[in-house]
Amino acid sequence: MRAAMAVLLASLAVLAAGCGSTIKPEGAAEQVVKVVSKTGFKPTDVTCPSGVKAEVGTQFDCHFTGPDGNYTAHMKITKVSGDDVEFYIQSKRD
């Protein structure tokens, strides 16, 4: 399970809000759930920070409880097109 969660994955979703856009924390959390669920485990307590600028290169961490402890999902914004934001997501056990 740990090795599967550490794989880099890209996700695309409508996650930006307003001018000088910031990432919607609940939207980022939904993407973490989608990516991690592909490993067979579905996290239910993902938390992501607010106020993250929707700019290419921006990085931030979301956190969740996995099957054997706490995990961090490292998020890196790779593309922003309007309200669409693309990430590389890498999760690992803390």
PDB file of N, CA and C in Angstrom:
ATOM      1  N   MET A   1       0.830  -1.187   0.000  1.00  0.00           N
ATOM      2  CA  MET A   1       0.000   0.000   0.000  1.00  0.00           C
ATOM      3  C   MET A   1       0.870   1.244   0.000  1.00  0.00           C
ATOM      4  N   ARG A   2       1.913   1.300   0.845  1.00  0.00           N
ATOM      5  CA  ARG A   2       2.741   2.501   0.917  1.00  0.00           C
ATOM      6  C   ARG A   2       3.391   2.813  -0.409  1.00  0.00           C
ATOM      7  N   ALA A   3       3.917   1.812  -1.088  1.00  0.00           N
ATOM      8  CA  ALA A   3       4.584   2.045  -2.368  1.00  0.00           C
ATOM      9  C   ALA A   3       3.611   2.587  -3.399  1.00  0.00           C
ATOM     10  N   ALA A   4       2.388   2.071  -3.411  1.00  0.00           N
ATOM     11  CA  ALA A   4       1.391   2.536  -4.373  1.00  0.00           C
ATOM     12  C   ALA A   4       1.020   3.989  -4.116  1.00  0.00           C
ATOM     13  N   MET A   5       0.971   4.387  -2.861  1.00  0.00           N
ATOM     14  CA  MET A   5       0.597   5.757  -2.536  1.00  0.00           C
ATOM     15  C   MET A   5       1.710   6.752  -2.849  1.00  0.00           C
ATOM     16  N   ALA A   6       2.936   6.280  -3.036  1.00  0.00           N
ATOM     17  CA  ALA A   6       4.055   7.179  -3.274  1.00  0.00           C
ATOM     18  C   ALA A   6       4.262   7.487  -4.756  1.00  0.00           C
ATOM     19  N   VAL A   7       3.447   6.936  -5.605  1.00  0.00           N
ATOM     20  CA  VAL A   7       3.579   7.147  -7.045  1.00  0.00           C
ATOM     21  C   VAL A   7       3.086   8.538  -7.414  1.00  0.00           C
ATOM     22  N   LEU A   8       3.814   9.209  -8.317  1.00  0.00           N
ATOM     23  CA  LEU A   8       3.378  10.520  -8.795  1.00  0.00           C
ATOM     24  C   LEU A   8       2.190  10.349  -9.718  1.00  0.00           C
ATOM     25  N   LEU A   9       1.174  11.137  -9.487  1.00  0.00           N
ATOM     26  CA  LEU A   9      -0.029  11.076 -10.294  1.00  0.00           C
ATOM     27  C   LEU A   9      -0.495  12.486 -10.617  1.00  0.00           C
ATOM     28  N   ALA A  10      -1.121  12.662 -11.755  1.00  0.00           N
ATOM     29  CA  ALA A  10      -1.655  13.969 -12.130  1.00  0.00           C
ATOM     30  C   ALA A  10      -3.174  13.930 -12.064  1.00  0.00           C
ATOM     31  N   SER A  11      -3.757  15.026 -11.666  1.00  0.00           N
ATOM     32  CA  SER A  11      -5.205  15.151 -11.604  1.00  0.00           C
ATOM     33  C   SER A  11      -5.624  16.486 -12.187  1.00  0.00           C
ATOM     34  N   LEU A  12      -6.813  16.540 -12.712  1.00  0.00           N
ATOM     35  CA  LEU A  12      -7.349  17.767 -13.276  1.00  0.00           C
ATOM     36  C   LEU A  12      -8.719  18.003 -12.683  1.00  0.00           C
ATOM     37  N   ALA A  13      -8.951  19.210 -12.220  1.00  0.00           N
ATOM     38  CA  ALA A  13     -10.256  19.511 -11.631  1.00  0.00           C
ATOM     39  C   ALA A  13     -10.502  21.003 -11.639  1.00  0.00           C
ATOM     40  N   VAL A  14     -11.759  21.374 -11.477  1.00  0.00           N
ATOM     41  CA  VAL A  14     -12.122  22.780 -11.344  1.00  0.00           C
ATOM     42  C   VAL A  14     -11.890  23.128  -9.877  1.00  0.00           C
ATOM     43  N   LEU A  15     -10.786  23.835  -9.616  1.00  0.00           N
ATOM     44  CA  LEU A  15     -10.406  24.068  -8.233  1.00  0.00           C
ATOM     45  C   LEU A  15     -10.100  25.515  -7.896  1.00  0.00           C
ATOM     46  N   ALA A  16     -10.082  26.401  -8.862  1.00  0.00           N
ATOM     47  CA  ALA A  16      -9.716  27.779  -8.567  1.00  0.00           C
ATOM     48  C   ALA A  16     -10.962  28.611  -8.288  1.00  0.00           C
ATOM     49  N   ALA A  17     -10.766  29.698  -7.556  1.00  0.00           N
ATOM     50  CA  ALA A  17     -11.900  30.558  -7.224  1.00  0.00           C
ATOM     51  C   ALA A  17     -11.517  32.029  -7.336  1.00  0.00           C
ATOM     52  N   GLY A  18     -12.219  32.775  -8.188  1.00  0.00           N
ATOM     53  CA  GLY A  18     -12.090  34.225  -8.251  1.00  0.00           C
ATOM     54  C   GLY A  18     -10.837  34.765  -8.894  1.00  0.00           C
ATOM     55  N   CYS A  19     -10.771  36.102  -8.974  1.00  0.00           N
ATOM     56  CA  CYS A  19      -9.601  36.797  -9.509  1.00  0.00           C
ATOM     57  C   CYS A  19      -8.459  36.642  -8.524  1.00  0.00           C
ATOM     58  N   GLY A  20      -7.235  36.589  -9.042  1.00  0.00           N
ATOM     59  CA  GLY A  20      -6.114  36.302  -8.163  1.00  0.00           C
ATOM     60  C   GLY A  20      -6.378  34.968  -7.514  1.00  0.00           C
ATOM     61  N   SER A  21      -6.778  34.036  -8.329  1.00  0.00           N
ATOM     62  CA  SER A  21      -7.343  32.759  -7.887  1.00  0.00           C
ATOM     63  C   SER A  21      -6.533  32.042  -6.827  1.00  0.00           C
ATOM     64  N   THR A  22      -7.278  31.394  -5.946  1.00  0.00           N
ATOM     65  CA  THR A  22      -6.701  30.506  -4.947  1.00  0.00           C
ATOM     66  C   THR A  22      -7.347  29.138  -5.103  1.00  0.00           C
ATOM     67  N   ILE A  23      -6.640  28.135  -4.644  1.00  0.00           N
ATOM     68  CA  ILE A  23      -7.148  26.765  -4.705  1.00  0.00           C
ATOM     69  C   ILE A  23      -8.239  26.591  -3.652  1.00  0.00           C
ATOM     70  N   LYS A  24      -9.322  25.939  -4.028  1.00  0.00           N
ATOM     71  CA  LYS A  24     -10.370  25.604  -3.064  1.00  0.00           C
ATOM     72  C   LYS A  24      -9.884  24.391  -2.264  1.00  0.00           C
ATOM     73  N   PRO A  25      -9.725  24.509  -0.942  1.00  0.00           N
ATOM     74  CA  PRO A  25      -9.224  23.380  -0.151  1.00  0.00           C
ATOM     75  C   PRO A  25     -10.053  22.112  -0.319  1.00  0.00           C
ATOM     76  N   GLU A  26     -11.380  22.265  -0.395  1.00  0.00           N
ATOM     77  CA  GLU A  26     -12.234  21.077  -0.542  1.00  0.00           C
ATOM     78  C   GLU A  26     -12.050  20.430  -1.919  1.00  0.00           C
ATOM     79  N   GLY A  27     -11.759  21.224  -2.936  1.00  0.00           N
ATOM     80  CA  GLY A  27     -11.505  20.676  -4.269  1.00  0.00           C
ATOM     81  C   GLY A  27     -10.189  19.917  -4.319  1.00  0.00           C
ATOM     82  N   ALA A  28      -9.160  20.468  -3.663  1.00  0.00           N
ATOM     83  CA  ALA A  28      -7.870  19.780  -3.601  1.00  0.00           C
ATOM     84  C   ALA A  28      -8.022  18.468  -2.833  1.00  0.00           C
ATOM     85  N   ALA A  29      -8.778  18.509  -1.746  1.00  0.00           N
ATOM     86  CA  ALA A  29      -9.006  17.296  -0.951  1.00  0.00           C
ATOM     87  C   ALA A  29      -9.714  16.224  -1.775  1.00  0.00           C
ATOM     88  N   GLU A  30     -10.682  16.640  -2.608  1.00  0.00           N
ATOM     89  CA  GLU A  30     -11.380  15.676  -3.467  1.00  0.00           C
ATOM     90  C   GLU A  30     -10.408  14.997  -4.425  1.00  0.00           C
ATOM     91  N   GLN A  31      -9.434  15.743  -4.930  1.00  0.00           N
ATOM     92  CA  GLN A  31      -8.463  15.154  -5.849  1.00  0.00           C
ATOM     93  C   GLN A  31      -7.562  14.159  -5.131  1.00  0.00           C
ATOM     94  N   VAL A  32      -7.194  14.461  -3.893  1.00  0.00           N
ATOM     95  CA  VAL A  32      -6.395  13.514  -3.107  1.00  0.00           C
ATOM     96  C   VAL A  32      -7.186  12.218  -2.922  1.00  0.00           C
ATOM     97  N   VAL A  33      -8.463  12.331  -2.572  1.00  0.00           N
ATOM     98  CA  VAL A  33      -9.304  11.147  -2.387  1.00  0.00           C
ATOM     99  C   VAL A  33      -9.356  10.339  -3.677  1.00  0.00           C
ATOM    100  N   LYS A  34      -9.545  10.996  -4.826  1.00  0.00           N
ATOM    101  CA  LYS A  34      -9.606  10.284  -6.114  1.00  0.00           C
ATOM    102  C   LYS A  34      -8.318   9.528  -6.397  1.00  0.00           C
ATOM    103  N   VAL A  35      -7.192  10.191  -6.185  1.00  0.00           N
ATOM    104  CA  VAL A  35      -5.898   9.572  -6.493  1.00  0.00           C
ATOM    105  C   VAL A  35      -5.596   8.432  -5.533  1.00  0.00           C
ATOM    106  N   VAL A  36      -5.748   8.664  -4.234  1.00  0.00           N
ATOM    107  CA  VAL A  36      -5.429   7.633  -3.250  1.00  0.00           C
ATOM    108  C   VAL A  36      -6.395   6.457  -3.364  1.00  0.00           C
ATOM    109  N   SER A  37      -7.646   6.711  -3.703  1.00  0.00           N
ATOM    110  CA  SER A  37      -8.632   5.634  -3.834  1.00  0.00           C
ATOM    111  C   SER A  37      -8.236   4.613  -4.898  1.00  0.00           C
ATOM    112  N   LYS A  38      -7.418   5.024  -5.861  1.00  0.00           N
ATOM    113  CA  LYS A  38      -6.943   4.094  -6.893  1.00  0.00           C
ATOM    114  C   LYS A  38      -6.050   3.007  -6.308  1.00  0.00           C
ATOM    115  N   THR A  39      -5.561   3.204  -5.077  1.00  0.00           N
ATOM    116  CA  THR A  39      -4.718   2.198  -4.429  1.00  0.00           C
ATOM    117  C   THR A  39      -5.553   1.171  -3.680  1.00  0.00           C
ATOM    118  N   GLY A  40      -6.876   1.420  -3.590  1.00  0.00           N
ATOM    119  CA  GLY A  40      -7.746   0.509  -2.863  1.00  0.00           C
ATOM    120  C   GLY A  40      -8.134   1.021  -1.485  1.00  0.00           C
ATOM    121  N   PHE A  41      -7.578   2.137  -1.071  1.00  0.00           N
ATOM    122  CA  PHE A  41      -7.926   2.748   0.212  1.00  0.00           C
ATOM    123  C   PHE A  41      -8.550   4.108  -0.053  1.00  0.00           C
ATOM    124  N   LYS A  42      -9.692   4.399   0.582  1.00  0.00           N
ATOM    125  CA  LYS A  42     -10.361   5.683   0.387  1.00  0.00           C
ATOM    126  C   LYS A  42     -10.278   6.508   1.668  1.00  0.00           C
ATOM    127  N   PRO A  43      -9.449   7.568   1.670  1.00  0.00           N
ATOM    128  CA  PRO A  43      -9.354   8.403   2.868  1.00  0.00           C
ATOM    129  C   PRO A  43     -10.627   9.216   3.084  1.00  0.00           C
ATOM    130  N   THR A  44     -10.968   9.438   4.350  1.00  0.00           N
ATOM    131  CA  THR A  44     -12.193  10.169   4.674  1.00  0.00           C
ATOM    132  C   THR A  44     -11.920  11.463   5.443  1.00  0.00           C
ATOM    133  N   ASP A  45     -10.661  11.759   5.733  1.00  0.00           N
ATOM    134  CA  ASP A  45     -10.354  12.925   6.566  1.00  0.00           C
ATOM    135  C   ASP A  45      -9.273  13.820   5.951  1.00  0.00           C
ATOM    136  N   VAL A  46      -9.295  14.018   4.641  1.00  0.00           N
ATOM    137  CA  VAL A  46      -8.270  14.822   3.970  1.00  0.00           C
ATOM    138  C   VAL A  46      -8.468  16.297   4.307  1.00  0.00           C
ATOM    139  N   THR A  47      -7.386  16.954   4.716  1.00  0.00           N
ATOM    140  CA  THR A  47      -7.420  18.394   4.968  1.00  0.00           C
ATOM    141  C   THR A  47      -6.331  19.061   4.137  1.00  0.00           C
ATOM    142  N   CYS A  48      -6.700  20.173   3.503  1.00  0.00           N
ATOM    143  CA  CYS A  48      -5.780  20.943   2.679  1.00  0.00           C
ATOM    144  C   CYS A  48      -5.846  22.399   3.129  1.00  0.00           C
ATOM    145  N   PRO A  49      -4.756  23.140   2.957  1.00  0.00           N
ATOM    146  CA  PRO A  49      -4.736  24.532   3.417  1.00  0.00           C
ATOM    147  C   PRO A  49      -5.571  25.452   2.532  1.00  0.00           C
ATOM    148  N   SER A  50      -5.977  26.579   3.097  1.00  0.00           N
ATOM    149  CA  SER A  50      -6.681  27.609   2.333  1.00  0.00           C
ATOM    150  C   SER A  50      -5.680  28.700   1.956  1.00  0.00           C
ATOM    151  N   GLY A  51      -6.062  29.537   0.997  1.00  0.00           N
ATOM    152  CA  GLY A  51      -5.239  30.668   0.607  1.00  0.00           C
ATOM    153  C   GLY A  51      -4.083  30.340  -0.315  1.00  0.00           C
ATOM    154  N   VAL A  52      -4.047  29.122  -0.880  1.00  0.00           N
ATOM    155  CA  VAL A  52      -2.960  28.729  -1.780  1.00  0.00           C
ATOM    156  C   VAL A  52      -3.213  29.330  -3.159  1.00  0.00           C
ATOM    157  N   LYS A  53      -2.253  30.093  -3.661  1.00  0.00           N
ATOM    158  CA  LYS A  53      -2.409  30.729  -4.973  1.00  0.00           C
ATOM    159  C   LYS A  53      -2.401  29.688  -6.086  1.00  0.00           C
ATOM    160  N   ALA A  54      -3.286  29.860  -7.043  1.00  0.00           N
ATOM    161  CA  ALA A  54      -3.390  28.946  -8.183  1.00  0.00           C
ATOM    162  C   ALA A  54      -2.396  29.388  -9.254  1.00  0.00           C
ATOM    163  N   GLU A  55      -1.117  29.101  -9.008  1.00  0.00           N
ATOM    164  CA  GLU A  55      -0.050  29.456  -9.937  1.00  0.00           C
ATOM    165  C   GLU A  55       0.830  28.246 -10.178  1.00  0.00           C
ATOM    166  N   VAL A  56       1.264  28.078 -11.427  1.00  0.00           N
ATOM    167  CA  VAL A  56       2.155  26.970 -11.777  1.00  0.00           C
ATOM    168  C   VAL A  56       3.394  27.040 -10.889  1.00  0.00           C
ATOM    169  N   GLY A  57       3.773  25.890 -10.358  1.00  0.00           N
ATOM    170  CA  GLY A  57       4.947  25.788  -9.506  1.00  0.00           C
ATOM    171  C   GLY A  57       4.639  25.860  -8.025  1.00  0.00           C
ATOM    172  N   THR A  58       3.449  26.341  -7.666  1.00  0.00           N
ATOM    173  CA  THR A  58       3.067  26.411  -6.255  1.00  0.00           C
ATOM    174  C   THR A  58       2.961  24.998  -5.695  1.00  0.00           C
ATOM    175  N   GLN A  59       3.471  24.815  -4.474  1.00  0.00           N
ATOM    176  CA  GLN A  59       3.422  23.514  -3.812  1.00  0.00           C
ATOM    177  C   GLN A  59       2.805  23.671  -2.432  1.00  0.00           C
ATOM    178  N   PHE A  60       2.064  22.667  -2.014  1.00  0.00           N
ATOM    179  CA  PHE A  60       1.468  22.651  -0.685  1.00  0.00           C
ATOM    180  C   PHE A  60       1.180  21.217  -0.300  1.00  0.00           C
ATOM    181  N   ASP A  61       0.903  21.005   0.974  1.00  0.00           N
ATOM    182  CA  ASP A  61       0.648  19.664   1.486  1.00  0.00           C
ATOM    183  C   ASP A  61      -0.759  19.535   2.034  1.00  0.00           C
ATOM    184  N   CYS A  62      -1.376  18.399   1.747  1.00  0.00           N
ATOM    185  CA  CYS A  62      -2.639  18.000   2.351  1.00  0.00           C
ATOM    186  C   CYS A  62      -2.321  16.810   3.256  1.00  0.00           C
ATOM    187  N   HIS A  63      -3.176  16.552   4.226  1.00  0.00           N
ATOM    188  CA  HIS A  63      -2.920  15.476   5.189  1.00  0.00           C
ATOM    189  C   HIS A  63      -4.154  14.593   5.332  1.00  0.00           C
ATOM    190  N   PHE A  64      -3.914  13.297   5.584  1.00  0.00           N
ATOM    191  CA  PHE A  64      -5.005  12.354   5.805  1.00  0.00           C
ATOM    192  C   PHE A  64      -4.492  11.160   6.582  1.00  0.00           C
ATOM    193  N   THR A  65      -5.442  10.394   7.130  1.00  0.00           N
ATOM    194  CA  THR A  65      -5.098   9.171   7.847  1.00  0.00           C
ATOM    195  C   THR A  65      -5.229   8.004   6.879  1.00  0.00           C
ATOM    196  N   GLY A  66      -4.165   7.218   6.778  1.00  0.00           N
ATOM    197  CA  GLY A  66      -4.154   6.046   5.912  1.00  0.00           C
ATOM    198  C   GLY A  66      -4.402   4.785   6.712  1.00  0.00           C
ATOM    199  N   PRO A  67      -4.274   3.638   6.064  1.00  0.00           N
ATOM    200  CA  PRO A  67      -4.566   2.374   6.733  1.00  0.00           C
ATOM    201  C   PRO A  67      -3.585   2.043   7.858  1.00  0.00           C
ATOM    202  N   ASP A  68      -2.401   2.646   7.813  1.00  0.00           N
ATOM    203  CA  ASP A  68      -1.402   2.335   8.842  1.00  0.00           C
ATOM    204  C   ASP A  68      -0.733   3.593   9.401  1.00  0.00           C
ATOM    205  N   GLY A  69      -1.490   4.687   9.478  1.00  0.00           N
ATOM    206  CA  GLY A  69      -0.936   5.899  10.085  1.00  0.00           C
ATOM    207  C   GLY A  69      -1.270   7.154   9.304  1.00  0.00           C
ATOM    208  N   ASN A  70      -0.568   8.216   9.633  1.00  0.00           N
ATOM    209  CA  ASN A  70      -0.788   9.512   8.995  1.00  0.00           C
ATOM    210  C   ASN A  70       0.004   9.630   7.698  1.00  0.00           C
ATOM    211  N   TYR A  71      -0.602  10.302   6.723  1.00  0.00           N
ATOM    212  CA  TYR A  71       0.013  10.495   5.408  1.00  0.00           C
ATOM    213  C   TYR A  71      -0.010  11.969   5.022  1.00  0.00           C
ATOM    214  N   THR A  72       0.934  12.341   4.169  1.00  0.00           N
ATOM    215  CA  THR A  72       0.964  13.662   3.563  1.00  0.00           C
ATOM    216  C   THR A  72       0.861  13.489   2.062  1.00  0.00           C
ATOM    217  N   ALA A  73      -0.015  14.258   1.442  1.00  0.00           N
ATOM    218  CA  ALA A  73      -0.124  14.297  -0.016  1.00  0.00           C
ATOM    219  C   ALA A  73       0.528  15.611  -0.451  1.00  0.00           C
ATOM    220  N   HIS A  74       1.688  15.511  -1.083  1.00  0.00           N
ATOM    221  CA  HIS A  74       2.394  16.698  -1.558  1.00  0.00           C
ATOM    222  C   HIS A  74       1.817  17.066  -2.922  1.00  0.00           C
ATOM    223  N   MET A  75       1.334  18.291  -3.021  1.00  0.00           N
ATOM    224  CA  MET A  75       0.658  18.767  -4.226  1.00  0.00           C
ATOM    225  C   MET A  75       1.541  19.799  -4.919  1.00  0.00           C
ATOM    226  N   LYS A  76       1.710  19.657  -6.230  1.00  0.00           N
ATOM    227  CA  LYS A  76       2.447  20.650  -7.008  1.00  0.00           C
ATOM    228  C   LYS A  76       1.582  21.028  -8.204  1.00  0.00           C
ATOM    229  N   ILE A  77       1.323  22.324  -8.362  1.00  0.00           N
ATOM    230  CA  ILE A  77       0.506  22.791  -9.477  1.00  0.00           C
ATOM    231  C   ILE A  77       1.368  22.812 -10.737  1.00  0.00           C
ATOM    232  N   THR A  78       0.908  22.095 -11.762  1.00  0.00           N
ATOM    233  CA  THR A  78       1.673  22.007 -13.011  1.00  0.00           C
ATOM    234  C   THR A  78       1.032  22.769 -14.161  1.00  0.00           C
ATOM    235  N   LYS A  79      -0.265  23.095 -14.027  1.00  0.00           N
ATOM    236  CA  LYS A  79      -0.957  23.813 -15.096  1.00  0.00           C
ATOM    237  C   LYS A  79      -2.189  24.501 -14.521  1.00  0.00           C
ATOM    238  N   VAL A  80      -2.412  25.732 -14.968  1.00  0.00           N
ATOM    239  CA  VAL A  80      -3.625  26.461 -14.606  1.00  0.00           C
ATOM    240  C   VAL A  80      -4.213  27.018 -15.890  1.00  0.00           C
ATOM    241  N   SER A  81      -5.468  26.694 -16.136  1.00  0.00           N
ATOM    242  CA  SER A  81      -6.171  27.186 -17.318  1.00  0.00           C
ATOM    243  C   SER A  81      -7.573  27.592 -16.884  1.00  0.00           C
ATOM    244  N   GLY A  82      -7.770  28.888 -16.649  1.00  0.00           N
ATOM    245  CA  GLY A  82      -9.053  29.335 -16.118  1.00  0.00           C
ATOM    246  C   GLY A  82      -9.247  28.763 -14.729  1.00  0.00           C
ATOM    247  N   ASP A  83     -10.348  28.042 -14.534  1.00  0.00           N
ATOM    248  CA  ASP A  83     -10.621  27.407 -13.246  1.00  0.00           C
ATOM    249  C   ASP A  83     -10.075  25.986 -13.151  1.00  0.00           C
ATOM    250  N   ASP A  84      -9.452  25.500 -14.209  1.00  0.00           N
ATOM    251  CA  ASP A  84      -8.893  24.143 -14.204  1.00  0.00           C
ATOM    252  C   ASP A  84      -7.458  24.183 -13.699  1.00  0.00           C
ATOM    253  N   VAL A  85      -7.158  23.314 -12.762  1.00  0.00           N
ATOM    254  CA  VAL A  85      -5.828  23.239 -12.172  1.00  0.00           C
ATOM    255  C   VAL A  85      -5.356  21.799 -12.264  1.00  0.00           C
ATOM    256  N   GLU A  86      -4.120  21.616 -12.739  1.00  0.00           N
ATOM    257  CA  GLU A  86      -3.548  20.275 -12.830  1.00  0.00           C
ATOM    258  C   GLU A  86      -2.437  20.149 -11.801  1.00  0.00           C
ATOM    259  N   PHE A  87      -2.425  19.013 -11.109  1.00  0.00           N
ATOM    260  CA  PHE A  87      -1.434  18.739 -10.057  1.00  0.00           C
ATOM    261  C   PHE A  87      -0.618  17.500 -10.363  1.00  0.00           C
ATOM    262  N   TYR A  88       0.574  17.460  -9.787  1.00  0.00           N
ATOM    263  CA  TYR A  88       1.260  16.198  -9.521  1.00  0.00           C
ATOM    264  C   TYR A  88       1.012  15.977  -8.048  1.00  0.00           C
ATOM    265  N   ILE A  89       0.567  14.796  -7.712  1.00  0.00           N
ATOM    266  CA  ILE A  89       0.282  14.464  -6.312  1.00  0.00           C
ATOM    267  C   ILE A  89       1.159  13.290  -5.917  1.00  0.00           C
ATOM    268  N   GLN A  90       1.894  13.464  -4.843  1.00  0.00           N
ATOM    269  CA  GLN A  90       2.723  12.378  -4.323  1.00  0.00           C
ATOM    270  C   GLN A  90       2.377  12.224  -2.857  1.00  0.00           C
ATOM    271  N   SER A  91       1.902  11.049  -2.485  1.00  0.00           N
ATOM    272  CA  SER A  91       1.564  10.841  -1.077  1.00  0.00           C
ATOM    273  C   SER A  91       2.521   9.837  -0.460  1.00  0.00           C
ATOM    274  N   LYS A  92       2.789  10.077   0.819  1.00  0.00           N
ATOM    275  CA  LYS A  92       3.679   9.166   1.552  1.00  0.00           C
ATOM    276  C   LYS A  92       3.303   9.170   3.020  1.00  0.00           C
ATOM    277  N   ARG A  93       3.674   8.113   3.691  1.00  0.00           N
ATOM    278  CA  ARG A  93       3.394   8.001   5.120  1.00  0.00           C
ATOM    279  C   ARG A  93       4.325   8.945   5.863  1.00  0.00           C
ATOM    280  N   ASP A  94       3.773   9.595   6.886  1.00  0.00           N
ATOM    281  CA  ASP A  94       4.585  10.514   7.709  1.00  0.00           C
ATOM    282  C   ASP A  94       5.556   9.747   8.585  1.00  0.00           C
TER     283      ASP A  94
END
